[in-house]
């Protein structure tokens, strides 16, 4: 199977979607998917902050976790405690946990909320860049 990354989160409406968008950009030869414990509607603010960085995630569809893809994934990254705690991660996968804050629970004015989403976006992007560099340094895959 092609190398693959599975991003797991709670509702697959925000953090997983952002991670999927960046991973598809930085690792175009990998199969990338995201999913949640639940499948909620894609978060419009997540779409907006990603468009600020020229990545369109508006066509991505929230999905519930697919056991087949989960069991075949090369790398599994949990982005929430709920996803970490409610899934049995296959021993065959490399598992990482990125405890990313949930921007959907931030309160405040519009600017404070947007900044919370931007902070999450930027943290996920930095993690994806580090992961990409690690993969390129440790595999023959380009």
C-alpha atoms as a PDB file:
ATOM      1  CA  UNK A   1       0.000   0.000   0.000  1.00  0.00           C
ATOM      2  CA  UNK A   2       1.045   3.560  -0.626  1.00  0.00           C
ATOM      3  CA  UNK A   3       2.333   5.423   2.402  1.00  0.00           C
ATOM      4  CA  UNK A   4      -0.579   7.045   4.182  1.00  0.00           C
ATOM      5  CA  UNK A   5      -1.366   9.387   7.039  1.00  0.00           C
ATOM      6  CA  UNK A   6      -4.622   9.349   8.973  1.00  0.00           C
ATOM      7  CA  UNK A   7      -5.479  12.398  11.090  1.00  0.00           C
ATOM      8  CA  UNK A   8      -8.009  11.632  13.817  1.00  0.00           C
ATOM      9  CA  UNK A   9      -9.940  14.222  15.808  1.00  0.00           C
ATOM     10  CA  UNK A  10     -13.289  14.617  17.528  1.00  0.00           C
ATOM     11  CA  UNK A  11     -15.754  15.940  14.944  1.00  0.00           C
ATOM     12  CA  UNK A  12     -13.554  16.137  11.818  1.00  0.00           C
ATOM     13  CA  UNK A  13     -14.813  19.666  11.257  1.00  0.00           C
ATOM     14  CA  UNK A  14     -11.715  21.749  11.988  1.00  0.00           C
ATOM     15  CA  UNK A  15      -8.361  20.400  13.242  1.00  0.00           C
ATOM     16  CA  UNK A  16      -8.371  17.239  11.144  1.00  0.00           C
ATOM     17  CA  UNK A  17      -9.481  19.174   8.082  1.00  0.00           C
ATOM     18  CA  UNK A  18      -6.679  21.710   8.523  1.00  0.00           C
ATOM     19  CA  UNK A  19      -4.109  18.930   8.981  1.00  0.00           C
ATOM     20  CA  UNK A  20      -5.416  17.096   5.915  1.00  0.00           C
ATOM     21  CA  UNK A  21      -5.170  20.280   3.837  1.00  0.00           C
ATOM     22  CA  UNK A  22      -1.554  20.946   4.786  1.00  0.00           C
ATOM     23  CA  UNK A  23      -0.470  17.309   4.503  1.00  0.00           C
ATOM     24  CA  UNK A  24      -1.886  17.099   0.974  1.00  0.00           C
ATOM     25  CA  UNK A  25       0.139  20.193   0.076  1.00  0.00           C
ATOM     26  CA  UNK A  26       3.435  19.125   1.649  1.00  0.00           C
ATOM     27  CA  UNK A  27       3.230  15.354   1.004  1.00  0.00           C
ATOM     28  CA  UNK A  28       1.559  15.058  -2.414  1.00  0.00           C
ATOM     29  CA  UNK A  29       2.791  11.481  -2.958  1.00  0.00           C
ATOM     30  CA  UNK A  30       1.171  10.217   0.248  1.00  0.00           C
ATOM     31  CA  UNK A  31      -2.435   9.166   0.697  1.00  0.00           C
ATOM     32  CA  UNK A  32      -3.894  11.621   3.226  1.00  0.00           C
ATOM     33  CA  UNK A  33      -7.211  11.397   5.052  1.00  0.00           C
ATOM     34  CA  UNK A  34      -8.769  12.790   8.180  1.00  0.00           C
ATOM     35  CA  UNK A  35     -11.693  11.510  10.204  1.00  0.00           C
ATOM     36  CA  UNK A  36     -13.429  12.013  13.508  1.00  0.00           C
ATOM     37  CA  UNK A  37     -15.090  10.115  16.283  1.00  0.00           C
ATOM     38  CA  UNK A  38     -18.126  11.933  14.836  1.00  0.00           C
ATOM     39  CA  UNK A  39     -18.599  13.579  11.436  1.00  0.00           C
ATOM     40  CA  UNK A  40     -19.791  17.154  11.968  1.00  0.00           C
ATOM     41  CA  UNK A  41     -20.184  19.870   9.329  1.00  0.00           C
ATOM     42  CA  UNK A  42     -16.943  21.430   8.122  1.00  0.00           C
ATOM     43  CA  UNK A  43     -16.229  24.540  10.146  1.00  0.00           C
ATOM     44  CA  UNK A  44     -16.521  27.712   8.010  1.00  0.00           C
ATOM     45  CA  UNK A  45     -13.955  29.563  10.126  1.00  0.00           C
ATOM     46  CA  UNK A  46     -11.424  26.768   9.521  1.00  0.00           C
ATOM     47  CA  UNK A  47     -12.103  27.105   5.776  1.00  0.00           C
ATOM     48  CA  UNK A  48     -11.591  30.881   6.058  1.00  0.00           C
ATOM     49  CA  UNK A  49      -8.271  30.749   7.945  1.00  0.00           C
ATOM     50  CA  UNK A  50      -6.928  28.122   5.546  1.00  0.00           C
ATOM     51  CA  UNK A  51      -7.876  30.298   2.569  1.00  0.00           C
ATOM     52  CA  UNK A  52      -5.741  33.044   4.164  1.00  0.00           C
ATOM     53  CA  UNK A  53      -2.814  30.652   3.587  1.00  0.00           C
ATOM     54  CA  UNK A  54      -3.977  29.803   0.031  1.00  0.00           C
ATOM     55  CA  UNK A  55      -5.244  26.321   0.854  1.00  0.00           C
ATOM     56  CA  UNK A  56      -8.806  25.440  -0.092  1.00  0.00           C
ATOM     57  CA  UNK A  57     -10.370  22.866   2.218  1.00  0.00           C
ATOM     58  CA  UNK A  58     -13.952  23.834   1.359  1.00  0.00           C
ATOM     59  CA  UNK A  59     -14.488  20.675  -0.737  1.00  0.00           C
ATOM     60  CA  UNK A  60     -13.186  18.295   1.953  1.00  0.00           C
ATOM     61  CA  UNK A  61     -15.884  16.172   3.551  1.00  0.00           C
ATOM     62  CA  UNK A  62     -16.001  15.367   7.277  1.00  0.00           C
ATOM     63  CA  UNK A  63     -15.893  11.614   7.799  1.00  0.00           C
ATOM     64  CA  UNK A  64     -16.196   9.140  10.636  1.00  0.00           C
ATOM     65  CA  UNK A  65     -13.208   6.897  11.288  1.00  0.00           C
ATOM     66  CA  UNK A  66     -12.851   4.112   8.719  1.00  0.00           C
ATOM     67  CA  UNK A  67     -11.427   0.981  10.354  1.00  0.00           C
ATOM     68  CA  UNK A  68      -9.975  -0.297   7.068  1.00  0.00           C
ATOM     69  CA  UNK A  69      -7.987   2.897   6.419  1.00  0.00           C
ATOM     70  CA  UNK A  70      -7.043   3.053  10.119  1.00  0.00           C
ATOM     71  CA  UNK A  71      -5.632  -0.478  10.031  1.00  0.00           C
ATOM     72  CA  UNK A  72      -3.634   0.172   6.850  1.00  0.00           C
ATOM     73  CA  UNK A  73      -2.277   3.650   7.684  1.00  0.00           C
ATOM     74  CA  UNK A  74       1.474   4.162   7.837  1.00  0.00           C
ATOM     75  CA  UNK A  75       1.176   7.069  10.292  1.00  0.00           C
ATOM     76  CA  UNK A  76      -1.766   7.896  12.556  1.00  0.00           C
ATOM     77  CA  UNK A  77      -1.900  11.308  14.207  1.00  0.00           C
ATOM     78  CA  UNK A  78      -4.468  12.041  16.884  1.00  0.00           C
ATOM     79  CA  UNK A  79      -5.309  15.725  17.278  1.00  0.00           C
ATOM     80  CA  UNK A  80      -7.624  15.512  20.278  1.00  0.00           C
ATOM     81  CA  UNK A  81      -7.726  13.624  23.526  1.00  0.00           C
ATOM     82  CA  UNK A  82     -11.070  12.141  22.530  1.00  0.00           C
ATOM     83  CA  UNK A  83      -9.631  10.660  19.324  1.00  0.00           C
ATOM     84  CA  UNK A  84      -6.598   9.379  21.253  1.00  0.00           C
ATOM     85  CA  UNK A  85      -8.706   7.774  23.981  1.00  0.00           C
ATOM     86  CA  UNK A  86     -11.485   6.269  21.832  1.00  0.00           C
ATOM     87  CA  UNK A  87      -9.408   4.480  19.205  1.00  0.00           C
ATOM     88  CA  UNK A  88      -7.279   1.390  19.258  1.00  0.00           C
ATOM     89  CA  UNK A  89      -4.225   2.363  17.254  1.00  0.00           C
ATOM     90  CA  UNK A  90      -2.856  -0.548  15.183  1.00  0.00           C
ATOM     91  CA  UNK A  91       0.603  -1.727  16.222  1.00  0.00           C
ATOM     92  CA  UNK A  92       1.691  -1.598  12.582  1.00  0.00           C
ATOM     93  CA  UNK A  93       1.309   2.190  12.372  1.00  0.00           C
ATOM     94  CA  UNK A  94       3.579   4.935  13.643  1.00  0.00           C
ATOM     95  CA  UNK A  95       1.389   6.855  16.086  1.00  0.00           C
ATOM     96  CA  UNK A  96       1.816  10.503  17.075  1.00  0.00           C
ATOM     97  CA  UNK A  97      -0.381  12.582  19.351  1.00  0.00           C
ATOM     98  CA  UNK A  98      -0.519  16.315  18.754  1.00  0.00           C
ATOM     99  CA  UNK A  99      -2.580  17.879  21.567  1.00  0.00           C
ATOM    100  CA  UNK A 100      -4.019  20.755  19.547  1.00  0.00           C
ATOM    101  CA  UNK A 101      -6.441  23.128  21.285  1.00  0.00           C
ATOM    102  CA  UNK A 102      -9.998  23.098  19.961  1.00  0.00           C
ATOM    103  CA  UNK A 103     -10.671  26.593  18.555  1.00  0.00           C
ATOM    104  CA  UNK A 104     -14.413  25.945  18.376  1.00  0.00           C
ATOM    105  CA  UNK A 105     -14.695  26.315  22.155  1.00  0.00           C
ATOM    106  CA  UNK A 106     -12.911  29.691  22.324  1.00  0.00           C
ATOM    107  CA  UNK A 107     -15.074  32.611  23.370  1.00  0.00           C
ATOM    108  CA  UNK A 108     -14.455  36.296  22.829  1.00  0.00           C
ATOM    109  CA  UNK A 109     -14.958  38.872  20.149  1.00  0.00           C
ATOM    110  CA  UNK A 110     -14.610  38.070  16.431  1.00  0.00           C
ATOM    111  CA  UNK A 111     -10.934  39.042  16.353  1.00  0.00           C
ATOM    112  CA  UNK A 112     -10.069  36.872  19.385  1.00  0.00           C
ATOM    113  CA  UNK A 113     -11.896  33.905  17.878  1.00  0.00           C
ATOM    114  CA  UNK A 114     -10.200  34.341  14.481  1.00  0.00           C
ATOM    115  CA  UNK A 115      -6.821  34.577  16.216  1.00  0.00           C
ATOM    116  CA  UNK A 116      -7.513  31.318  18.066  1.00  0.00           C
ATOM    117  CA  UNK A 117      -8.218  29.599  14.742  1.00  0.00           C
ATOM    118  CA  UNK A 118      -5.089  31.130  13.204  1.00  0.00           C
ATOM    119  CA  UNK A 119      -3.010  29.899  16.151  1.00  0.00           C
ATOM    120  CA  UNK A 120      -4.353  26.363  15.666  1.00  0.00           C
ATOM    121  CA  UNK A 121      -3.757  26.566  11.902  1.00  0.00           C
ATOM    122  CA  UNK A 122      -0.184  27.766  12.402  1.00  0.00           C
ATOM    123  CA  UNK A 123       0.580  25.110  15.034  1.00  0.00           C
ATOM    124  CA  UNK A 124      -0.728  22.349  12.775  1.00  0.00           C
ATOM    125  CA  UNK A 125       1.226  23.756   9.814  1.00  0.00           C
ATOM    126  CA  UNK A 126       4.463  23.772  11.812  1.00  0.00           C
ATOM    127  CA  UNK A 127       3.843  20.178  12.922  1.00  0.00           C
ATOM    128  CA  UNK A 128       3.173  19.121   9.308  1.00  0.00           C
ATOM    129  CA  UNK A 129       6.373  20.850   8.128  1.00  0.00           C
ATOM    130  CA  UNK A 130       8.392  19.070  10.841  1.00  0.00           C
ATOM    131  CA  UNK A 131       6.782  15.752   9.923  1.00  0.00           C
ATOM    132  CA  UNK A 132       7.449  16.347   6.214  1.00  0.00           C
ATOM    133  CA  UNK A 133      11.114  17.091   6.914  1.00  0.00           C
ATOM    134  CA  UNK A 134      11.404  13.983   9.080  1.00  0.00           C
ATOM    135  CA  UNK A 135       9.811  11.812   6.389  1.00  0.00           C
ATOM    136  CA  UNK A 136      12.060  13.228   3.676  1.00  0.00           C
ATOM    137  CA  UNK A 137      15.143  12.673   5.864  1.00  0.00           C
ATOM    138  CA  UNK A 138      14.218   9.086   6.805  1.00  0.00           C
ATOM    139  CA  UNK A 139      12.642   7.558   3.691  1.00  0.00           C
ATOM    140  CA  UNK A 140      13.334   7.161   0.036  1.00  0.00           C
ATOM    141  CA  UNK A 141       9.878   8.626  -0.758  1.00  0.00           C
ATOM    142  CA  UNK A 142      10.012  12.089  -2.287  1.00  0.00           C
END
